[in-house]
Amino acid sequence: MAGLSNLKALELRSTADRISDELRQMIIDGTLRPGEQLGEAKIAGQLGVSRAPVREALQQLVQERLVVAARNKGVSVVSFTPDDIREIYDARLAMEKHAASQIVSGGSAARSSAAKQLSRILPSLADAIRAGDRRQVSAIDLEFHTGLIAAAGNSRLLHAYTILSAEALACINRLEIAYPAGLDLVADHEHLIELLVGGNLDEILDALSSHLNVAATRLTSPLPAVGP
């Protein structure tokens, strides 16, 4: 009987994970808009599940800072302020700079290995840009930067970056919608790889700062006017 109870607990957790995955993706891709209310009962009814896994899923998204819970107001999709965006990009920059420093300190073999892994991502980025698939561009862009973190070989740094990545991807999607990427984005990433191979840490850190600060500046600026 105890074994069956444990199995039910696992199934419940799996349901909550599936719900949080679905809601997370809807927030990231803009299906759920900033400020939109996420009613626990409504979600449970639409999915045909009890409110318990929905509540757990929403709590997980609160921890990831993709939704906010307010007393007497329920849960709603987060609206990123300029300060939020700057914090997200400051955190990304700090982590990526540390990762780059670790890779460089590993010597030419570590730099070459990292460059090889990152280079494999660029053809997919170029294909997504040519296809005009904005959400795919955003996802591959973040995949590149996550690859840089992974190449540092610090599992806890990668875990922290992964937690931040959902917020980052929501921001990148907003940037891609406002300023659709051209193939210059591929060139920017190729330049980062070239600097990594060269091993000049100051140049790498400067390039990372420029790359992420430009994105943060665009995200915190007024959106471009839409033509008639």
Protein backbone atom coordinates (compact mmCIF):
# COMPACT_ATOMS: atom_id res chain seq x y z
CA MET A 1 0.00 0.00 0.00
CA ALA A 2 2.87 2.36 0.81
CA GLY A 3 4.32 1.65 -2.61
CA LEU A 4 1.07 2.70 -4.30
CA SER A 5 1.01 5.89 -2.26
CA ASN A 6 4.51 6.72 -3.41
CA LEU A 7 3.52 6.08 -7.02
CA LYS A 8 0.61 8.50 -6.72
CA ALA A 9 2.98 11.14 -5.38
CA LEU A 10 5.24 10.68 -8.36
CA GLU A 11 2.31 10.94 -10.77
CA LEU A 12 1.12 14.12 -9.07
CA ARG A 13 4.55 15.68 -9.35
CA SER A 14 4.75 14.69 -13.00
CA THR A 15 1.42 16.37 -13.67
CA ALA A 16 2.59 19.56 -11.96
CA ASP A 17 5.78 19.51 -14.01
CA ARG A 18 3.83 19.14 -17.25
CA ILE A 19 1.57 22.02 -16.31
CA SER A 20 4.48 24.28 -15.36
CA ASP A 21 6.28 23.37 -18.60
CA GLU A 22 3.22 24.32 -20.66
CA LEU A 23 2.61 27.57 -18.83
CA ARG A 24 6.29 28.47 -18.91
CA GLN A 25 6.42 28.07 -22.67
CA MET A 26 3.25 30.12 -23.11
CA ILE A 27 4.81 32.92 -21.05
CA ILE A 28 8.08 32.75 -22.95
CA ASP A 29 6.49 32.85 -26.39
CA GLY A 30 4.01 35.57 -25.47
CA THR A 31 0.81 33.50 -25.64
CA LEU A 32 0.24 34.54 -22.04
CA ARG A 33 0.71 38.29 -21.88
CA PRO A 34 2.34 40.32 -19.08
CA GLY A 35 -0.17 41.01 -16.35
CA GLU A 36 -2.56 38.25 -17.48
CA GLN A 37 -4.32 36.53 -14.58
CA LEU A 38 -3.74 32.80 -14.15
CA GLY A 39 -6.75 31.48 -12.28
CA GLU A 40 -6.03 28.22 -10.52
CA ALA A 41 -9.59 26.92 -10.89
CA LYS A 42 -9.83 27.95 -14.55
CA ILE A 43 -6.57 26.20 -15.47
CA ALA A 44 -7.58 23.08 -13.57
CA GLY A 45 -10.92 23.01 -15.35
CA GLN A 46 -9.40 23.45 -18.80
CA LEU A 47 -6.87 20.69 -18.20
CA GLY A 48 -9.27 18.33 -16.44
CA VAL A 49 -7.10 18.00 -13.33
CA SER A 50 -7.47 18.87 -9.67
CA ARG A 51 -6.30 22.23 -8.39
CA ALA A 52 -3.40 20.71 -6.41
CA PRO A 53 -0.98 20.15 -9.33
CA VAL A 54 -1.96 23.52 -10.80
CA ARG A 55 -1.17 25.19 -7.49
CA GLU A 56 2.20 23.41 -7.38
CA ALA A 57 2.98 24.40 -10.96
CA LEU A 58 2.17 28.05 -10.26
CA GLN A 59 4.32 28.02 -7.14
CA GLN A 60 7.21 26.72 -9.22
CA LEU A 61 6.75 29.54 -11.73
CA VAL A 62 6.62 32.05 -8.87
CA GLN A 63 10.03 30.76 -7.75
CA GLU A 64 11.29 31.19 -11.31
CA ARG A 65 9.93 34.76 -11.24
CA LEU A 66 7.83 34.23 -14.35
CA VAL A 67 4.59 34.86 -12.44
CA VAL A 68 3.81 36.92 -9.38
CA ALA A 69 1.40 36.16 -6.57
CA ALA A 70 -0.29 39.03 -4.77
CA ARG A 71 -2.63 38.82 -1.80
CA ASN A 72 -6.28 39.16 -2.84
CA LYS A 73 -5.21 39.45 -6.49
CA GLY A 74 -4.15 35.91 -7.29
CA VAL A 75 -1.37 34.97 -9.72
CA SER A 76 -0.48 36.85 -12.87
CA VAL A 77 2.20 36.78 -15.56
CA VAL A 78 5.16 38.97 -14.65
CA SER A 79 5.59 42.33 -16.37
CA PHE A 80 9.30 42.99 -16.78
CA THR A 81 10.29 46.51 -15.81
CA PRO A 82 13.46 48.14 -17.16
CA ASP A 83 15.09 47.44 -13.79
CA ASP A 84 14.11 43.76 -14.05
CA ILE A 85 15.65 43.52 -17.52
CA ARG A 86 18.85 45.21 -16.41
CA GLU A 87 19.10 42.80 -13.47
CA ILE A 88 18.59 39.78 -15.74
CA TYR A 89 21.24 40.93 -18.18
CA ASP A 90 23.65 41.96 -15.42
CA ALA A 91 23.33 38.47 -13.96
CA ARG A 92 23.82 36.86 -17.38
CA LEU A 93 26.90 38.96 -18.00
CA ALA A 94 28.44 38.11 -14.63
CA MET A 95 27.92 34.39 -15.19
CA GLU A 96 29.13 34.43 -18.78
CA LYS A 97 32.22 36.44 -17.90
CA HIS A 98 33.07 33.94 -15.18
CA ALA A 99 32.53 31.05 -17.58
CA ALA A 100 34.77 32.67 -20.18
CA SER A 101 37.47 33.22 -17.54
CA GLN A 102 37.30 29.56 -16.53
CA ILE A 103 37.54 28.39 -20.14
CA VAL A 104 40.53 30.61 -20.86
CA SER A 105 42.30 29.46 -17.70
CA GLY A 106 41.88 25.88 -18.93
CA GLY A 107 44.35 26.51 -21.74
CA SER A 108 44.21 26.07 -25.50
CA ALA A 109 42.56 22.63 -25.35
CA ALA A 110 39.65 23.96 -23.28
CA ARG A 111 39.27 26.97 -25.58
CA SER A 112 39.34 24.80 -28.69
CA SER A 113 36.78 22.38 -27.27
CA ALA A 114 34.43 25.21 -26.28
CA ALA A 115 34.80 26.87 -29.67
CA LYS A 116 34.02 23.62 -31.47
CA GLN A 117 30.85 23.07 -29.45
CA LEU A 118 29.67 26.64 -29.92
CA SER A 119 30.42 26.63 -33.65
CA ARG A 120 28.04 23.72 -34.13
CA ILE A 121 25.15 25.92 -33.01
CA LEU A 122 25.67 28.70 -35.57
CA PRO A 123 24.31 26.96 -38.71
CA SER A 124 20.98 26.41 -36.94
CA LEU A 125 20.95 30.07 -35.89
CA ALA A 126 21.57 31.18 -39.47
CA ASP A 127 18.83 28.85 -40.77
CA ALA A 128 16.31 30.23 -38.24
CA ILE A 129 17.17 33.81 -39.20
CA ARG A 130 16.75 33.09 -42.91
CA ALA A 131 13.43 31.36 -42.21
CA GLY A 132 12.24 34.34 -40.19
CA ASP A 133 11.43 32.06 -37.25
CA ARG A 134 11.79 34.61 -34.48
CA ARG A 135 11.09 32.31 -31.56
CA GLN A 136 13.59 29.76 -32.87
CA VAL A 137 16.18 32.52 -33.24
CA SER A 138 15.63 33.43 -29.59
CA ALA A 139 15.91 29.82 -28.44
CA ILE A 140 19.12 29.16 -30.39
CA ASP A 141 20.62 32.46 -29.27
CA LEU A 142 20.12 31.39 -25.65
CA GLU A 143 21.39 27.89 -26.48
CA PHE A 144 24.68 29.46 -27.61
CA HIS A 145 25.12 31.39 -24.39
CA THR A 146 24.11 28.40 -22.29
CA GLY A 147 26.73 26.42 -24.21
CA LEU A 148 29.35 28.94 -23.15
CA ILE A 149 28.33 28.43 -19.53
CA ALA A 150 28.36 24.64 -19.91
CA ALA A 151 31.85 24.71 -21.40
CA ALA A 152 33.17 26.14 -18.12
CA GLY A 153 32.49 22.78 -16.48
CA ASN A 154 30.84 24.21 -13.36
CA SER A 155 27.56 22.35 -12.80
CA ARG A 156 26.28 24.81 -10.20
CA LEU A 157 26.96 27.79 -12.45
CA LEU A 158 25.09 26.00 -15.24
CA HIS A 159 22.19 25.25 -12.88
CA ALA A 160 21.94 28.89 -11.83
CA TYR A 161 22.06 30.04 -15.44
CA THR A 162 19.38 27.53 -16.42
CA ILE A 163 17.05 28.88 -13.73
CA LEU A 164 17.61 32.37 -15.12
CA SER A 165 17.19 31.21 -18.71
CA ALA A 166 13.37 31.26 -18.78
CA GLU A 167 13.35 34.94 -17.80
CA ALA A 168 16.15 35.58 -20.27
CA LEU A 169 14.32 33.81 -23.09
CA ALA A 170 11.15 35.81 -22.45
CA CYS A 171 13.27 38.95 -22.76
CA ILE A 172 15.06 37.73 -25.89
CA ASN A 173 11.71 36.94 -27.52
CA ARG A 174 10.54 40.46 -26.82
CA LEU A 175 13.76 41.82 -28.32
CA GLU A 176 13.45 39.61 -31.39
CA ILE A 177 9.88 40.77 -31.98
CA ALA A 178 10.89 44.43 -31.68
CA TYR A 179 14.20 44.14 -33.55
CA PRO A 180 14.20 41.07 -35.82
CA ALA A 181 17.70 39.63 -36.09
CA GLY A 182 19.72 39.57 -39.28
CA LEU A 183 22.75 37.50 -40.10
CA ASP A 184 24.84 40.05 -38.24
CA LEU A 185 23.76 38.15 -35.11
CA VAL A 186 25.60 35.12 -36.44
CA ALA A 187 28.65 37.30 -37.13
CA ASP A 188 28.54 38.59 -33.55
CA HIS A 189 28.62 35.04 -32.21
CA GLU A 190 31.36 34.04 -34.66
CA HIS A 191 33.41 36.94 -33.32
CA LEU A 192 32.94 35.72 -29.75
CA ILE A 193 34.17 32.27 -30.80
CA GLU A 194 37.21 33.74 -32.57
CA LEU A 195 38.14 35.72 -29.48
CA LEU A 196 37.70 32.63 -27.33
CA VAL A 197 40.11 30.68 -29.53
CA GLY A 198 42.59 33.56 -29.39
CA GLY A 199 42.54 33.48 -25.61
CA ASN A 200 42.79 37.21 -24.89
CA LEU A 201 40.54 37.38 -21.85
CA ASP A 202 40.17 41.17 -21.81
CA GLU A 203 38.96 41.17 -25.42
CA ILE A 204 36.52 38.34 -24.70
CA LEU A 205 35.06 40.08 -21.65
CA ASP A 206 34.74 43.36 -23.55
CA ALA A 207 32.94 41.61 -26.41
CA LEU A 208 30.55 39.85 -24.03
CA SER A 209 29.82 43.15 -22.28
CA SER A 210 29.10 44.88 -25.56
CA HIS A 211 26.95 42.02 -26.87
CA LEU A 212 24.71 41.76 -23.81
CA ASN A 213 24.61 45.47 -23.00
CA VAL A 214 23.37 46.29 -26.50
CA ALA A 215 20.53 43.78 -26.03
CA ALA A 216 19.66 45.17 -22.59
CA THR A 217 19.68 48.74 -23.91
CA ARG A 218 17.31 47.83 -26.73
CA LEU A 219 14.98 46.01 -24.36
CA THR A 220 14.78 48.98 -22.00
CA SER A 221 14.25 51.53 -24.78
CA PRO A 222 10.85 52.49 -26.23
CA LEU A 223 9.72 49.98 -28.83
CA PRO A 224 10.08 51.14 -32.43
CA ALA A 225 6.98 52.64 -34.01
CA VAL A 226 4.90 50.31 -36.12
CA GLY A 227 4.18 51.60 -39.63
CA PRO A 228 0.69 51.88 -41.12
